[in-house]
């Protein structure tokens, strides 16, 4: 009996080892191929077939993931199959990895950022409690990339700095080891994205410092040629911003081949745009137009463009307008309208912040005029009438908008006049506090003395205007109050009627509103200054939350208050 048991056990172990040898051996056969080389799929299909027959779902997941790497046109199909295999494995790390991989395809291969973000957020749910720190930070990194593309550079930068700190601790060792290799990739890509944020925020000194650091640390092997190209591209942008246009072009030309090789059309078009700008400033109009035209070719093929590159079309329109080439002027006018449509769709949070030399309505009118330029003179009156009607609508819209702003302003004044204190803060009225043992009125399930202490702490916090501190978080405040985040969060939710972030934002906006209303010096400040003084890290989030709470943007509120005081003085 014992002998039979050992025979069965030996056979089982042998079968497992044989299977593992099969998977390892077959991976070695296709690992020599470069990305998107379909020849690898011959071996991967054998891998898939074997894993399916054995119902080995972790290996099946890996097989589909490898298929994504080598497939040219079926990446999303293989990604969906990888998700199914991962779910069958019931391994949260594999499921999170599967959703993350699908998100990367949407981001890198298709530039569908909203879809990518959906997948990253699904991955986050599976990875948030994972012990696999690499996977968690890789997912966080990609969420940061989406934030960066949507224009939230400050928020994205915080994420990339966290990723840099994590990956940097994992890159010492033999680069040929898989773990060191992957973390080095994560480290370099995080630095690249941080540089992009700094450059978009106008912090060129910080971007240059990171470029100096990475020049010393990037491996010189072919596995890192793509990362090296990204940094050459960033160095080119840095040279451009320093008005070293010839040096910028040199760096751009060094970066392009690898980007074209992997079909990174986003950064390729970015480089062509900045080469065009460089040639424009060097006075070489032929090469300027040639590079701008390449940006349009990439847009036509991929139906994607960065908002920053919008002026590419304005330059081409202006060029052909000066040369009286109405056909090309009309073509690029139509292209610019398509570009605006794509930007509005993919970058709805960013597009309104991009400076537009050509207003959309003006573009439509220009398009109409160009299309009618060769028509009979009898259509001239119709065109004029259309323009007059359009202008009438614009005027009507503006008047209506101003009336709406005035009404909102007057309602806000009523609210402000009702407040006799110098600042509007939320002062709690001491409630009846019940412990969990004698009352079901409150949802808080801990000792009433803790609740009372926290309410007193909150009152002092509001009185001392602690909410004006930038970067204040639930964790920091809990530490200040010598409690935990769970207790503090429950008390704020219960007695302030909102979550922590909303509570802080209400206090800050009320403070800023009252200051603008009462203090003439505050009305002289820029919106950035006011945002910072009220505890916000950037103008955009302050302006959006001010609008959400007060129904009016801070800039409009300041204008209305100044005009109101001027009218009072004149009367």
Protein backbone atom coordinates (compact mmCIF):
# COMPACT_ATOMS: atom_id res chain seq x y z
CA UNK A 1 0.00 0.00 0.00
CA UNK A 2 2.79 2.41 0.98
CA UNK A 3 4.71 1.46 -2.14
CA UNK A 4 1.66 2.23 -4.32
CA UNK A 5 1.26 5.62 -2.59
CA UNK A 6 4.87 6.57 -3.36
CA UNK A 7 4.45 5.49 -6.98
CA UNK A 8 1.35 7.70 -7.39
CA UNK A 9 3.07 10.59 -5.60
CA UNK A 10 6.16 10.24 -7.81
CA UNK A 11 4.05 10.21 -10.97
CA UNK A 12 2.13 13.31 -9.86
CA UNK A 13 5.30 15.27 -9.09
CA UNK A 14 6.83 14.18 -12.38
CA UNK A 15 3.75 15.34 -14.30
CA UNK A 16 3.83 18.76 -12.62
CA UNK A 17 7.56 19.19 -13.30
CA UNK A 18 7.08 18.06 -16.88
CA UNK A 19 4.31 20.62 -17.42
CA UNK A 20 6.43 23.38 -15.93
CA UNK A 21 9.34 22.36 -18.16
CA UNK A 22 7.01 22.46 -21.17
CA UNK A 23 5.86 26.03 -20.39
CA UNK A 24 9.40 27.24 -19.71
CA UNK A 25 10.82 25.62 -22.83
CA UNK A 26 8.13 26.91 -25.15
CA UNK A 27 8.49 30.47 -23.81
CA UNK A 28 12.20 30.35 -24.54
CA UNK A 29 11.40 29.56 -28.18
CA UNK A 30 9.46 32.79 -28.80
CA UNK A 31 11.11 35.09 -26.28
CA UNK A 32 13.79 35.94 -28.87
CA UNK A 33 11.25 37.70 -31.13
CA UNK A 34 10.64 41.43 -30.89
CA UNK A 35 7.30 42.93 -29.86
CA UNK A 36 4.49 42.67 -32.47
CA UNK A 37 6.31 39.87 -34.34
CA UNK A 38 3.50 37.40 -35.27
CA UNK A 39 5.95 34.52 -35.71
CA UNK A 40 5.86 34.08 -31.95
CA UNK A 41 2.16 33.22 -32.08
CA UNK A 42 2.91 29.79 -33.56
CA UNK A 43 4.46 28.78 -30.22
CA UNK A 44 2.04 30.78 -28.09
CA UNK A 45 -0.93 28.95 -29.62
CA UNK A 46 0.66 25.65 -28.48
CA UNK A 47 1.10 27.21 -25.05
CA UNK A 48 -2.59 28.22 -24.96
CA UNK A 49 -3.76 24.79 -26.13
CA UNK A 50 -1.73 22.97 -23.46
CA UNK A 51 -2.81 25.29 -20.62
CA UNK A 52 -6.47 24.93 -21.64
CA UNK A 53 -6.28 21.14 -21.73
CA UNK A 54 -4.77 21.10 -18.23
CA UNK A 55 -7.13 23.85 -17.00
CA UNK A 56 -4.01 25.59 -15.74
CA UNK A 57 -5.52 29.07 -15.55
CA UNK A 58 -2.43 30.97 -14.27
CA UNK A 59 -0.42 29.63 -17.21
CA UNK A 60 -3.33 30.31 -19.58
CA UNK A 61 -3.40 33.90 -18.35
CA UNK A 62 0.35 34.20 -19.01
CA UNK A 63 -0.07 32.71 -22.49
CA UNK A 64 -2.74 35.27 -23.42
CA UNK A 65 -0.63 38.07 -21.93
CA UNK A 66 2.30 37.00 -24.10
CA UNK A 67 -0.03 36.86 -27.11
CA UNK A 68 -0.87 40.53 -26.49
CA UNK A 69 2.83 41.38 -26.71
CA UNK A 70 3.36 39.69 -30.07
CA UNK A 71 -0.01 40.26 -31.74
CA UNK A 72 -0.37 43.27 -34.04
CA UNK A 73 -4.15 43.55 -34.48
CA UNK A 74 -5.81 41.35 -31.84
CA UNK A 75 -4.45 42.79 -28.62
CA UNK A 76 -7.86 43.65 -27.14
CA UNK A 77 -9.24 40.18 -28.01
CA UNK A 78 -6.34 38.49 -26.24
CA UNK A 79 -6.70 40.94 -23.32
CA UNK A 80 -10.35 39.90 -22.85
CA UNK A 81 -9.29 36.24 -22.92
CA UNK A 82 -6.60 36.99 -20.32
CA UNK A 83 -9.24 38.53 -18.06
CA UNK A 84 -11.42 35.39 -18.32
CA UNK A 85 -8.44 33.13 -17.54
CA UNK A 86 -7.41 35.32 -14.60
CA UNK A 87 -10.93 35.27 -13.15
CA UNK A 88 -11.02 31.48 -13.46
CA UNK A 89 -7.75 31.33 -11.50
CA UNK A 90 -9.49 33.23 -8.64
CA UNK A 91 -6.18 35.05 -8.06
CA UNK A 92 -6.76 38.77 -7.43
CA UNK A 93 -3.23 39.69 -8.51
CA UNK A 94 -3.74 38.02 -11.89
CA UNK A 95 -7.19 39.61 -12.31
CA UNK A 96 -5.81 43.05 -11.47
CA UNK A 97 -2.88 42.49 -13.83
CA UNK A 98 -5.32 41.47 -16.60
CA UNK A 99 -7.41 44.64 -16.30
CA UNK A 100 -4.24 46.73 -16.07
CA UNK A 101 -2.87 45.14 -19.23
CA UNK A 102 -6.09 45.90 -21.12
CA UNK A 103 -5.91 49.51 -19.92
CA UNK A 104 -2.34 49.81 -21.21
CA UNK A 105 -3.52 48.67 -24.65
CA UNK A 106 -6.22 51.35 -24.69
CA UNK A 107 -3.63 53.93 -23.59
CA UNK A 108 -0.50 53.02 -25.56
CA UNK A 109 -1.92 51.43 -28.71
CA UNK A 110 -5.22 53.27 -29.16
CA UNK A 111 -4.95 56.43 -27.01
CA UNK A 112 -8.49 55.93 -25.65
CA UNK A 113 -7.87 57.48 -22.27
CA UNK A 114 -11.35 57.23 -20.79
CA UNK A 115 -11.48 53.48 -21.62
CA UNK A 116 -7.97 53.06 -20.23
CA UNK A 117 -8.92 54.75 -16.97
CA UNK A 118 -11.96 52.47 -16.61
CA UNK A 119 -9.68 49.42 -16.80
CA UNK A 120 -7.12 50.91 -14.40
CA UNK A 121 -9.83 51.57 -11.84
CA UNK A 122 -11.07 47.98 -12.16
CA UNK A 123 -7.50 46.80 -11.64
CA UNK A 124 -7.19 49.02 -8.59
CA UNK A 125 -10.09 47.25 -6.87
CA UNK A 126 -8.27 43.94 -7.17
CA UNK A 127 -4.78 45.24 -6.39
CA UNK A 128 -5.41 47.70 -3.53
CA UNK A 129 -4.88 44.99 -0.89
CA UNK A 130 -2.26 43.08 -2.87
CA UNK A 131 1.14 42.22 -1.43
CA UNK A 132 2.60 42.62 -4.93
CA UNK A 133 3.89 46.19 -4.58
CA UNK A 134 5.21 46.26 -8.15
CA UNK A 135 1.76 45.63 -9.61
CA UNK A 136 0.14 48.20 -7.31
CA UNK A 137 2.58 50.95 -8.27
CA UNK A 138 2.44 50.03 -11.93
CA UNK A 139 -1.33 50.53 -11.80
CA UNK A 140 -1.00 53.80 -9.88
CA UNK A 141 1.56 54.97 -12.46
CA UNK A 142 -0.88 54.42 -15.32
CA UNK A 143 -3.64 56.29 -13.48
CA UNK A 144 -1.13 59.14 -13.18
CA UNK A 145 -0.51 59.01 -16.93
CA UNK A 146 -4.21 59.47 -17.64
CA UNK A 147 -4.39 62.37 -15.18
CA UNK A 148 -1.41 63.97 -16.91
CA UNK A 149 -3.01 63.64 -20.36
CA UNK A 150 -6.23 65.14 -19.02
CA UNK A 151 -4.27 68.15 -17.77
CA UNK A 152 -4.18 67.48 -14.02
CA UNK A 153 -0.42 67.94 -13.91
CA UNK A 154 -0.13 68.74 -10.19
CA UNK A 155 -2.11 65.65 -9.19
CA UNK A 156 -0.26 63.47 -11.72
CA UNK A 157 3.11 64.75 -10.49
CA UNK A 158 2.32 63.63 -6.94
CA UNK A 159 1.63 60.13 -8.26
CA UNK A 160 4.83 59.99 -10.32
CA UNK A 161 6.94 61.18 -7.38
CA UNK A 162 5.49 58.32 -5.29
CA UNK A 163 6.30 55.86 -8.09
CA UNK A 164 9.86 57.20 -8.45
CA UNK A 165 10.44 56.76 -4.71
CA UNK A 166 9.12 53.18 -4.84
CA UNK A 167 10.86 51.95 -8.00
CA UNK A 168 14.19 53.60 -7.07
CA UNK A 169 14.54 51.28 -4.08
CA UNK A 170 14.14 48.22 -6.33
CA UNK A 171 16.61 48.91 -9.17
CA UNK A 172 19.90 47.91 -7.53
CA UNK A 173 21.16 44.55 -8.74
CA UNK A 174 21.63 42.60 -11.95
CA UNK A 175 19.60 44.27 -14.72
CA UNK A 176 19.15 40.84 -16.35
CA UNK A 177 17.04 39.72 -13.41
CA UNK A 178 13.36 40.08 -14.26
CA UNK A 179 12.41 41.98 -11.08
CA UNK A 180 15.26 44.51 -11.39
CA UNK A 181 14.54 44.94 -15.10
CA UNK A 182 10.81 45.65 -14.56
CA UNK A 183 11.43 48.07 -11.70
CA UNK A 184 14.06 49.92 -13.71
CA UNK A 185 11.51 50.34 -16.49
CA UNK A 186 8.99 51.63 -13.95
CA UNK A 187 11.55 54.03 -12.46
CA UNK A 188 12.57 55.51 -15.83
CA UNK A 189 9.01 55.81 -17.12
CA UNK A 190 7.94 57.54 -13.90
CA UNK A 191 10.78 60.07 -14.29
CA UNK A 192 9.77 60.65 -17.92
CA UNK A 193 6.18 61.38 -16.94
CA UNK A 194 7.33 63.66 -14.09
CA UNK A 195 9.43 65.62 -16.60
CA UNK A 196 6.36 66.02 -18.84
CA UNK A 197 4.40 67.42 -15.88
CA UNK A 198 7.17 69.83 -14.92
CA UNK A 199 7.49 71.07 -18.49
CA UNK A 200 3.75 71.63 -18.78
CA UNK A 201 3.74 73.46 -15.45
CA UNK A 202 6.54 75.73 -16.66
CA UNK A 203 8.99 74.31 -14.12
CA UNK A 204 11.88 73.86 -16.55
CA UNK A 205 14.56 73.92 -13.84
CA UNK A 206 13.04 70.86 -12.12
CA UNK A 207 12.67 69.08 -15.49
CA UNK A 208 16.34 69.75 -16.30
CA UNK A 209 17.45 68.36 -12.92
CA UNK A 210 15.59 65.10 -13.59
CA UNK A 211 17.15 64.87 -17.07
CA UNK A 212 20.61 65.12 -15.48
CA UNK A 213 19.76 62.36 -13.00
CA UNK A 214 18.42 59.99 -15.63
CA UNK A 215 21.41 60.53 -17.94
CA UNK A 216 23.58 58.85 -15.27
CA UNK A 217 21.18 56.02 -14.43
CA UNK A 218 19.68 54.78 -17.71
CA UNK A 219 21.17 51.44 -18.87
CA UNK A 220 22.90 51.55 -22.25
CA UNK A 221 21.41 48.25 -23.50
CA UNK A 222 18.96 47.94 -26.40
CA UNK A 223 16.15 47.02 -23.98
CA UNK A 224 16.12 50.66 -22.90
CA UNK A 225 16.42 52.34 -26.31
CA UNK A 226 12.77 53.43 -26.13
CA UNK A 227 13.19 55.05 -22.71
CA UNK A 228 16.36 56.70 -23.97
CA UNK A 229 14.36 58.13 -26.89
CA UNK A 230 11.75 59.58 -24.52
CA UNK A 231 14.46 61.42 -22.61
CA UNK A 232 16.05 62.71 -25.82
CA UNK A 233 12.63 64.02 -26.78
CA UNK A 234 12.28 65.71 -23.38
CA UNK A 235 15.80 67.13 -23.68
CA UNK A 236 14.81 68.54 -27.08
CA UNK A 237 11.82 70.28 -25.49
CA UNK A 238 14.09 71.67 -22.79
CA UNK A 239 16.50 73.02 -25.43
CA UNK A 240 13.56 74.54 -27.31
CA UNK A 241 12.33 76.32 -24.19
CA UNK A 242 15.86 77.67 -23.72
CA UNK A 243 15.75 78.98 -27.33
CA UNK A 244 18.49 76.57 -28.47
CA UNK A 245 16.50 75.57 -31.56
CA UNK A 246 19.27 73.83 -33.52
CA UNK A 247 20.22 71.73 -30.48
CA UNK A 248 16.52 70.92 -29.97
CA UNK A 249 16.21 69.63 -33.56
CA UNK A 250 19.30 67.43 -33.05
CA UNK A 251 17.75 65.79 -29.97
CA UNK A 252 14.41 65.33 -31.74
CA UNK A 253 16.10 63.58 -34.69
CA UNK A 254 17.89 61.24 -32.28
CA UNK A 255 14.62 60.36 -30.53
CA UNK A 256 12.42 59.76 -33.60
CA UNK A 257 13.64 56.39 -35.01
CA UNK A 258 12.80 54.31 -31.94
CA UNK A 259 9.40 56.01 -31.49
CA UNK A 260 8.52 55.28 -35.12
CA UNK A 261 9.72 51.69 -34.70
CA UNK A 262 7.26 51.00 -31.85
CA UNK A 263 4.55 53.15 -33.50
CA UNK A 264 4.39 55.64 -30.64
CA UNK A 265 2.56 58.09 -32.87
CA UNK A 266 1.72 60.43 -29.98
CA UNK A 267 5.30 61.42 -29.22
CA UNK A 268 6.31 61.23 -32.88
CA UNK A 269 3.71 63.89 -33.76
CA UNK A 270 4.82 65.88 -30.70
CA UNK A 271 8.38 65.89 -32.02
CA UNK A 272 7.29 66.91 -35.55
CA UNK A 273 5.35 69.81 -34.05
CA UNK A 274 8.28 71.07 -32.03
CA UNK A 275 10.62 70.60 -34.99
CA UNK A 276 8.21 72.72 -37.03
CA UNK A 277 8.21 75.41 -34.30
CA UNK A 278 12.02 75.29 -34.17
CA UNK A 279 12.35 75.71 -37.94
CA UNK A 280 9.80 78.52 -37.82
CA UNK A 281 11.91 80.39 -35.27
CA UNK A 282 15.06 79.66 -37.31
CA UNK A 283 13.36 81.15 -40.38
CA UNK A 284 13.24 77.94 -42.45
CA UNK A 285 9.63 78.05 -43.66
CA UNK A 286 9.93 75.03 -45.97
CA UNK A 287 10.99 72.64 -43.19
CA UNK A 288 8.54 74.30 -40.81
CA UNK A 289 5.56 73.46 -43.06
CA UNK A 290 6.98 70.02 -43.86
CA UNK A 291 7.01 69.04 -40.16
CA UNK A 292 3.60 70.56 -39.45
CA UNK A 293 2.24 68.51 -42.37
CA UNK A 294 3.61 65.30 -40.80
CA UNK A 295 1.60 66.05 -37.67
CA UNK A 296 -1.53 66.15 -39.84
CA UNK A 297 -0.61 62.84 -41.50
CA UNK A 298 -0.37 61.15 -38.08
CA UNK A 299 -3.70 62.68 -37.04
CA UNK A 300 -5.39 61.41 -40.23
CA UNK A 301 -4.12 57.89 -39.60
CA UNK A 302 -4.79 57.61 -35.85
CA UNK A 303 -7.54 60.20 -35.18
CA UNK A 304 -5.62 61.39 -32.12
CA UNK A 305 -3.69 64.54 -31.22
CA UNK A 306 -2.46 66.20 -28.06
CA UNK A 307 -4.27 69.46 -27.23
CA UNK A 308 -0.89 71.19 -27.09
CA UNK A 309 -0.50 70.53 -30.82
CA UNK A 310 -3.70 72.32 -31.81
CA UNK A 311 -1.77 75.42 -32.92
CA UNK A 312 -0.11 73.21 -35.57
CA UNK A 313 -3.25 73.76 -37.68
CA UNK A 314 -3.47 77.45 -36.91
CA UNK A 315 0.06 77.83 -38.29
CA UNK A 316 -0.81 75.90 -41.48
CA UNK A 317 -4.04 77.89 -41.97
CA UNK A 318 -2.14 81.15 -41.58
CA UNK A 319 0.60 79.99 -43.95
CA UNK A 320 -1.77 79.05 -46.78
CA UNK A 321 -3.90 82.12 -46.15
CA UNK A 322 -0.84 84.34 -46.71
CA UNK A 323 -0.03 82.41 -49.89
CA UNK A 324 -3.64 82.77 -51.17
CA UNK A 325 -4.00 78.99 -51.40
CA UNK A 326 -7.67 78.83 -50.45
CA UNK A 327 -7.95 75.11 -51.18
CA UNK A 328 -5.31 74.20 -48.60
CA UNK A 329 -6.60 76.86 -46.20
CA UNK A 330 -10.03 75.27 -46.36
CA UNK A 331 -8.57 71.77 -45.92
CA UNK A 332 -6.68 72.68 -42.74
CA UNK A 333 -9.66 74.64 -41.44
CA UNK A 334 -11.73 71.46 -41.73
CA UNK A 335 -8.90 69.52 -40.08
CA UNK A 336 -8.83 71.96 -37.19
CA UNK A 337 -12.54 71.44 -36.66
CA UNK A 338 -11.94 67.68 -36.53
CA UNK A 339 -9.06 68.22 -34.09
CA UNK A 340 -11.33 70.28 -31.82
CA UNK A 341 -13.90 67.50 -31.92
CA UNK A 342 -11.32 64.89 -30.88
CA UNK A 343 -9.91 67.11 -28.13
CA UNK A 344 -13.39 67.85 -26.79
CA UNK A 345 -14.17 64.12 -26.77
CA UNK A 346 -10.92 62.72 -25.34
CA UNK A 347 -9.80 65.70 -23.29
CA UNK A 348 -13.01 67.30 -22.07
CA UNK A 349 -11.30 68.38 -18.83
CA UNK A 350 -8.41 69.93 -20.71
CA UNK A 351 -9.76 71.38 -23.94
CA UNK A 352 -11.39 74.45 -22.34
CA UNK A 353 -7.99 75.47 -20.94
CA UNK A 354 -6.20 75.40 -24.28
CA UNK A 355 -5.86 78.84 -25.85
CA UNK A 356 -7.82 79.02 -29.08
CA UNK A 357 -6.92 81.62 -31.65
CA UNK A 358 -9.81 80.44 -33.77
CA UNK A 359 -13.10 80.25 -31.89
CA UNK A 360 -15.21 77.29 -33.04
CA UNK A 361 -18.02 79.50 -34.29
CA UNK A 362 -15.57 81.67 -36.17
CA UNK A 363 -14.07 78.53 -37.68
CA UNK A 364 -17.50 77.47 -38.91
CA UNK A 365 -18.09 80.88 -40.41
CA UNK A 366 -14.65 80.90 -42.03
CA UNK A 367 -15.30 77.43 -43.41
CA UNK A 368 -18.59 78.59 -44.85
CA UNK A 369 -17.02 81.70 -46.40
CA UNK A 370 -14.19 79.65 -47.95
CA UNK A 371 -16.61 77.10 -49.38
CA UNK A 372 -18.71 79.89 -50.87
CA UNK A 373 -15.74 81.94 -52.15
CA UNK A 374 -16.09 80.56 -55.68
CA UNK A 375 -19.88 80.67 -55.73
CA UNK A 376 -22.04 83.21 -57.56
CA UNK A 377 -22.34 86.71 -56.11
CA UNK A 378 -26.04 86.24 -55.52
CA UNK A 379 -25.19 84.05 -52.47
CA UNK A 380 -23.34 86.91 -50.82
CA UNK A 381 -26.51 88.35 -49.23
CA UNK A 382 -27.47 84.93 -47.81
CA UNK A 383 -24.00 84.52 -46.27
CA UNK A 384 -24.19 87.98 -44.72
CA UNK A 385 -27.59 87.18 -43.24
CA UNK A 386 -26.26 83.93 -41.80
CA UNK A 387 -23.37 85.79 -40.17
CA UNK A 388 -25.72 88.42 -38.75
CA UNK A 389 -27.99 85.70 -37.32
CA UNK A 390 -24.99 83.90 -35.83
CA UNK A 391 -23.75 87.12 -34.28
CA UNK A 392 -27.26 87.75 -32.95
CA UNK A 393 -27.21 84.35 -31.25
CA UNK A 394 -23.77 85.04 -29.80
CA UNK A 395 -24.91 88.42 -28.42
CA UNK A 396 -28.12 86.89 -27.06
CA UNK A 397 -26.16 84.10 -25.39
CA UNK A 398 -23.72 86.54 -23.80
CA UNK A 399 -26.50 88.80 -22.49
CA UNK A 400 -28.34 85.80 -21.08
CA UNK A 401 -25.16 84.53 -19.49
CA UNK A 402 -24.46 87.92 -17.89
CA UNK A 403 -28.00 88.09 -16.50
CA UNK A 404 -27.62 84.63 -15.02
CA UNK A 405 -24.29 85.57 -13.43
CA UNK A 406 -25.86 88.76 -12.01
CA UNK A 407 -28.74 86.77 -10.44
CA UNK A 408 -26.36 84.22 -8.92
CA UNK A 409 -24.21 87.09 -7.60
CA UNK A 410 -27.20 88.77 -5.98
CA UNK A 411 -28.27 85.50 -4.35
CA UNK A 412 -24.75 85.04 -3.03
CA UNK A 413 -24.79 88.59 -1.60
CA UNK A 414 -27.93 87.75 0.36
CA UNK A 415 -26.11 84.76 1.83
CA UNK A 416 -23.08 86.88 2.69
CA UNK A 417 -25.10 89.73 4.22
CA UNK A 418 -26.88 87.26 6.49
CA UNK A 419 -23.51 86.36 8.00
CA UNK A 420 -22.38 88.80 10.67
CA UNK A 421 -19.03 87.11 11.37
CA UNK A 422 -15.85 88.25 9.56
CA UNK A 423 -15.36 84.78 8.13
CA UNK A 424 -17.82 82.16 7.13
CA UNK A 425 -16.90 78.99 8.93
CA UNK A 426 -18.89 76.01 9.99
CA UNK A 427 -19.20 76.21 13.80
CA UNK A 428 -20.83 73.11 15.24
CA UNK A 429 -23.75 73.30 17.58
CA UNK A 430 -23.10 70.86 20.37
CA UNK A 431 -25.38 67.94 19.64
CA UNK A 432 -26.91 65.35 21.86
CA UNK A 433 -24.37 62.59 21.73
CA UNK A 434 -25.51 59.04 22.30
CA UNK A 435 -23.32 56.02 22.76
CA UNK A 436 -23.99 52.80 20.93
CA UNK A 437 -25.48 51.26 24.02
CA UNK A 438 -28.37 53.65 24.60
CA UNK A 439 -29.36 55.16 21.27
CA UNK A 440 -29.94 54.20 17.67
CA UNK A 441 -30.42 57.82 16.49
CA UNK A 442 -26.81 58.20 15.39
CA UNK A 443 -24.90 55.74 13.22
CA UNK A 444 -21.65 56.24 15.20
CA UNK A 445 -20.80 53.10 17.15
CA UNK A 446 -18.12 54.24 19.58
CA UNK A 447 -17.90 56.00 22.91
CA UNK A 448 -19.72 59.35 23.21
CA UNK A 449 -16.77 60.96 25.00
CA UNK A 450 -14.64 60.36 21.91
CA UNK A 451 -17.29 61.99 19.74
CA UNK A 452 -17.48 65.00 22.05
CA UNK A 453 -13.71 65.39 22.09
CA UNK A 454 -13.52 65.20 18.30
CA UNK A 455 -16.29 67.81 17.90
CA UNK A 456 -14.37 70.15 20.21
CA UNK A 457 -11.17 69.51 18.22
CA UNK A 458 -13.01 70.23 14.98
CA UNK A 459 -14.42 73.43 16.42
CA UNK A 460 -10.92 74.59 17.41
CA UNK A 461 -9.58 73.52 13.99
CA UNK A 462 -12.21 75.69 12.24
CA UNK A 463 -11.71 78.60 14.61
CA UNK A 464 -7.93 78.56 13.98
CA UNK A 465 -8.52 78.21 10.22
CA UNK A 466 -6.50 75.01 10.06
CA UNK A 467 -8.29 74.18 6.82
CA UNK A 468 -6.13 76.76 5.01
CA UNK A 469 -3.10 74.50 5.26
CA UNK A 470 -2.27 73.07 1.85
CA UNK A 471 -2.06 69.30 1.71
CA UNK A 472 -4.19 68.73 4.79
CA UNK A 473 -5.52 65.17 4.74
CA UNK A 474 -7.79 63.05 6.88
CA UNK A 475 -4.74 61.14 8.09
CA UNK A 476 -2.83 64.29 9.07
CA UNK A 477 -5.82 65.77 10.90
CA UNK A 478 -6.46 62.49 12.71
CA UNK A 479 -2.84 62.49 13.89
CA UNK A 480 -3.29 66.11 15.02
CA UNK A 481 -6.36 65.13 17.02
CA UNK A 482 -4.62 62.00 18.35
CA UNK A 483 -7.30 59.71 16.96
CA UNK A 484 -7.67 57.40 13.99
CA UNK A 485 -9.02 58.19 10.53
CA UNK A 486 -12.06 55.93 10.93
CA UNK A 487 -13.38 57.78 13.99
CA UNK A 488 -12.69 61.22 12.54
CA UNK A 489 -14.27 60.31 9.20
CA UNK A 490 -17.44 59.03 10.90
CA UNK A 491 -17.82 62.16 13.03
CA UNK A 492 -17.35 64.48 10.05
CA UNK A 493 -19.80 62.46 7.96
CA UNK A 494 -22.39 62.41 10.74
CA UNK A 495 -22.12 65.95 12.12
CA UNK A 496 -20.92 67.87 9.09
CA UNK A 497 -23.07 66.03 6.58
CA UNK A 498 -20.30 65.33 4.08
CA UNK A 499 -17.06 63.47 3.54
CA UNK A 500 -13.72 64.95 4.63
CA UNK A 501 -12.70 66.46 1.26
CA UNK A 502 -16.07 68.17 0.75
CA UNK A 503 -16.01 69.47 4.34
CA UNK A 504 -12.55 71.05 3.87
CA UNK A 505 -13.46 72.50 0.46
CA UNK A 506 -16.64 74.14 1.84
CA UNK A 507 -14.65 75.82 4.60
CA UNK A 508 -12.02 77.04 2.16
CA UNK A 509 -14.50 78.37 -0.38
CA UNK A 510 -16.51 80.13 2.32
CA UNK A 511 -13.31 81.73 3.62
CA UNK A 512 -12.22 82.88 0.14
CA UNK A 513 -15.73 84.16 -0.72
CA UNK A 514 -15.92 86.27 2.43
CA UNK A 515 -12.40 87.63 1.95
CA UNK A 516 -13.07 88.65 -1.66
CA UNK A 517 -16.34 90.26 -0.61
CA UNK A 518 -14.93 92.24 2.31
CA UNK A 519 -11.24 92.89 1.61
CA UNK A 520 -10.32 95.16 -1.30
CA UNK A 521 -6.73 93.82 -1.25
CA UNK A 522 -7.98 90.33 -1.98
CA UNK A 523 -9.80 91.65 -5.04
CA UNK A 524 -6.42 92.70 -6.42
CA UNK A 525 -4.94 89.21 -6.11
CA UNK A 526 -4.69 86.78 -9.02
CA UNK A 527 -6.88 83.68 -8.90
CA UNK A 528 -3.74 81.59 -8.36
CA UNK A 529 -2.85 83.70 -5.31
CA UNK A 530 -6.35 83.45 -3.86
CA UNK A 531 -6.43 79.68 -4.47
CA UNK A 532 -3.13 79.25 -2.66
CA UNK A 533 -4.18 81.51 0.25
CA UNK A 534 -7.38 79.47 0.63
CA UNK A 535 -5.42 76.20 0.82
CA UNK A 536 -5.82 74.91 -2.76
CA UNK A 537 -2.85 73.52 -4.66
CA UNK A 538 -3.90 74.85 -8.06
CA UNK A 539 -6.12 77.43 -9.69
CA UNK A 540 -8.25 75.01 -11.69
CA UNK A 541 -9.53 72.92 -8.78
CA UNK A 542 -10.22 76.09 -6.75
CA UNK A 543 -12.16 77.69 -9.61
CA UNK A 544 -14.20 74.54 -10.25
CA UNK A 545 -15.12 74.02 -6.58
CA UNK A 546 -15.92 77.75 -6.15
CA UNK A 547 -18.29 77.48 -9.13
CA UNK A 548 -19.85 74.27 -7.80
CA UNK A 549 -20.49 75.79 -4.35
CA UNK A 550 -21.37 79.39 -5.24
CA UNK A 551 -22.75 79.00 -8.77
CA UNK A 552 -20.29 81.60 -10.09
CA UNK A 553 -16.59 81.52 -10.97
CA UNK A 554 -14.24 83.50 -8.69
CA UNK A 555 -13.12 85.77 -11.55
CA UNK A 556 -16.75 86.73 -12.27
CA UNK A 557 -17.45 87.22 -8.55
CA UNK A 558 -14.50 89.62 -8.23
CA UNK A 559 -15.61 91.60 -11.30
CA UNK A 560 -19.17 91.88 -10.02
CA UNK A 561 -18.04 92.99 -6.55
CA UNK A 562 -15.71 95.67 -7.99
CA UNK A 563 -18.45 96.96 -10.32
CA UNK A 564 -20.96 97.00 -7.46
CA UNK A 565 -18.66 99.15 -5.32
CA UNK A 566 -17.87 101.48 -8.23
CA UNK A 567 -21.58 101.99 -8.88
CA UNK A 568 -22.13 102.75 -5.18
CA UNK A 569 -19.34 105.36 -5.19
CA UNK A 570 -20.63 106.99 -8.39
CA UNK A 571 -24.11 107.31 -6.97
